[in-house]
N, C-alpha and C. Protein backbone atom coordinates (compact mmCIF):
# COMPACT_ATOMS: atom_id res chain seq x y z
N MET A 1 8.37 26.88 -4.96
CA MET A 1 6.94 26.66 -4.73
C MET A 1 6.43 27.57 -3.62
N PHE A 2 7.21 27.69 -2.58
CA PHE A 2 6.81 28.51 -1.45
C PHE A 2 6.65 29.98 -1.86
N LYS A 3 7.58 30.44 -2.69
CA LYS A 3 7.53 31.83 -3.15
C LYS A 3 6.28 32.07 -3.99
N ASP A 4 5.94 31.11 -4.84
CA ASP A 4 4.77 31.26 -5.68
C ASP A 4 3.51 31.46 -4.85
N LYS A 5 3.36 30.66 -3.80
CA LYS A 5 2.20 30.78 -2.94
C LYS A 5 2.16 32.16 -2.28
N LYS A 6 3.34 32.61 -1.85
CA LYS A 6 3.43 33.91 -1.21
C LYS A 6 3.00 35.01 -2.17
N GLU A 7 3.46 34.92 -3.42
CA GLU A 7 3.09 35.90 -4.44
C GLU A 7 1.59 35.84 -4.72
N GLU A 8 1.06 34.63 -4.79
CA GLU A 8 -0.38 34.48 -5.03
C GLU A 8 -1.18 35.15 -3.92
N LEU A 9 -0.78 34.91 -2.68
CA LEU A 9 -1.49 35.51 -1.55
C LEU A 9 -1.40 37.02 -1.60
N LYS A 10 -0.21 37.51 -1.94
CA LYS A 10 -0.01 38.96 -2.03
C LYS A 10 -0.95 39.56 -3.07
N GLU A 11 -1.01 38.94 -4.24
CA GLU A 11 -1.88 39.42 -5.31
C GLU A 11 -3.34 39.34 -4.89
N ALA A 12 -3.72 38.25 -4.26
CA ALA A 12 -5.11 38.09 -3.83
C ALA A 12 -5.48 39.18 -2.82
N ALA A 13 -4.57 39.48 -1.91
CA ALA A 13 -4.83 40.52 -0.91
C ALA A 13 -4.99 41.88 -1.58
N GLU A 14 -4.14 42.16 -2.55
CA GLU A 14 -4.24 43.44 -3.27
C GLU A 14 -5.56 43.53 -4.04
N ASN A 15 -5.94 42.42 -4.69
CA ASN A 15 -7.20 42.40 -5.43
C ASN A 15 -8.38 42.63 -4.50
N LEU A 16 -8.31 42.01 -3.33
CA LEU A 16 -9.39 42.15 -2.36
C LEU A 16 -9.51 43.60 -1.89
N LYS A 17 -8.37 44.21 -1.59
CA LYS A 17 -8.36 45.61 -1.17
C LYS A 17 -9.00 46.49 -2.23
N GLU A 18 -8.62 46.25 -3.49
CA GLU A 18 -9.14 47.06 -4.59
C GLU A 18 -10.64 46.85 -4.73
N THR A 19 -11.08 45.61 -4.60
CA THR A 19 -12.51 45.31 -4.70
C THR A 19 -13.27 46.02 -3.58
N GLU A 20 -12.75 45.95 -2.36
CA GLU A 20 -13.39 46.62 -1.23
C GLU A 20 -13.48 48.11 -1.47
N ARG A 21 -12.39 48.70 -1.98
CA ARG A 21 -12.37 50.14 -2.24
C ARG A 21 -13.43 50.51 -3.27
N GLU A 22 -13.52 49.72 -4.34
CA GLU A 22 -14.50 49.99 -5.39
C GLU A 22 -15.91 49.87 -4.82
N LYS A 23 -16.11 48.88 -3.95
CA LYS A 23 -17.42 48.68 -3.34
C LYS A 23 -17.81 49.89 -2.50
N ARG A 24 -16.85 50.39 -1.70
CA ARG A 24 -17.11 51.57 -0.87
C ARG A 24 -17.42 52.78 -1.72
N GLU A 25 -16.65 52.96 -2.80
CA GLU A 25 -16.89 54.10 -3.68
C GLU A 25 -18.28 54.00 -4.29
N GLN A 26 -18.68 52.79 -4.67
CA GLN A 26 -20.00 52.59 -5.26
C GLN A 26 -21.08 52.92 -4.24
N GLU A 27 -20.89 52.48 -2.99
CA GLU A 27 -21.87 52.78 -1.94
C GLU A 27 -21.95 54.28 -1.71
N ASN A 28 -20.81 54.96 -1.72
CA ASN A 28 -20.80 56.41 -1.54
C ASN A 28 -21.54 57.09 -2.67
N ASP A 29 -21.35 56.61 -3.89
CA ASP A 29 -22.05 57.17 -5.04
C ASP A 29 -23.56 56.97 -4.87
N ASP A 30 -23.94 55.78 -4.41
CA ASP A 30 -25.36 55.48 -4.20
C ASP A 30 -25.95 56.43 -3.16
N LYS A 31 -25.22 56.65 -2.06
CA LYS A 31 -25.71 57.51 -1.00
C LYS A 31 -25.88 58.94 -1.50
N SER A 32 -24.89 59.45 -2.22
CA SER A 32 -25.00 60.82 -2.71
C SER A 32 -26.14 60.91 -3.72
N GLY A 33 -26.35 59.85 -4.49
CA GLY A 33 -27.46 59.82 -5.42
C GLY A 33 -28.79 59.84 -4.70
N GLU A 34 -28.88 59.11 -3.60
CA GLU A 34 -30.11 59.11 -2.79
C GLU A 34 -30.37 60.49 -2.22
N GLU A 35 -29.32 61.12 -1.70
CA GLU A 35 -29.47 62.46 -1.12
C GLU A 35 -29.97 63.43 -2.18
N LYS A 36 -29.40 63.36 -3.38
CA LYS A 36 -29.83 64.26 -4.45
C LYS A 36 -31.29 64.01 -4.80
N THR A 37 -31.67 62.74 -4.82
CA THR A 37 -33.06 62.40 -5.14
C THR A 37 -34.00 62.99 -4.09
N LYS A 38 -33.63 62.84 -2.81
CA LYS A 38 -34.45 63.39 -1.73
C LYS A 38 -34.57 64.90 -1.87
N GLU A 39 -33.45 65.55 -2.18
CA GLU A 39 -33.46 67.00 -2.34
C GLU A 39 -34.35 67.40 -3.52
N ASN A 40 -34.27 66.66 -4.62
CA ASN A 40 -35.09 66.97 -5.78
C ASN A 40 -36.57 66.82 -5.45
N ILE A 41 -36.90 65.78 -4.69
CA ILE A 41 -38.30 65.56 -4.30
C ILE A 41 -38.77 66.71 -3.43
N GLN A 42 -37.94 67.11 -2.46
CA GLN A 42 -38.31 68.23 -1.59
C GLN A 42 -38.48 69.51 -2.39
N ASP A 43 -37.58 69.76 -3.32
CA ASP A 43 -37.66 70.96 -4.15
C ASP A 43 -38.96 70.97 -4.94
N SER A 44 -39.35 69.83 -5.49
CA SER A 44 -40.55 69.80 -6.31
C SER A 44 -41.81 70.00 -5.45
N PHE A 45 -41.77 69.59 -4.17
CA PHE A 45 -42.91 69.84 -3.29
C PHE A 45 -42.99 71.31 -2.90
N GLU A 46 -41.84 71.93 -2.75
CA GLU A 46 -41.80 73.32 -2.31
C GLU A 46 -42.25 74.27 -3.41
N GLN A 47 -42.11 73.87 -4.65
CA GLN A 47 -42.46 74.77 -5.76
C GLN A 47 -43.95 74.86 -5.99
């Protein structure tokens, strides 16, 4: 029983790490998307 709990915690920790990583990657994608949008807006004003 003790081992099972330990395994469950291990898996939960790994899942959490993966979720956090995906969240960070998503935020980075959003930021780069925002930057591109700002650049596109500036380009269209300059033309």
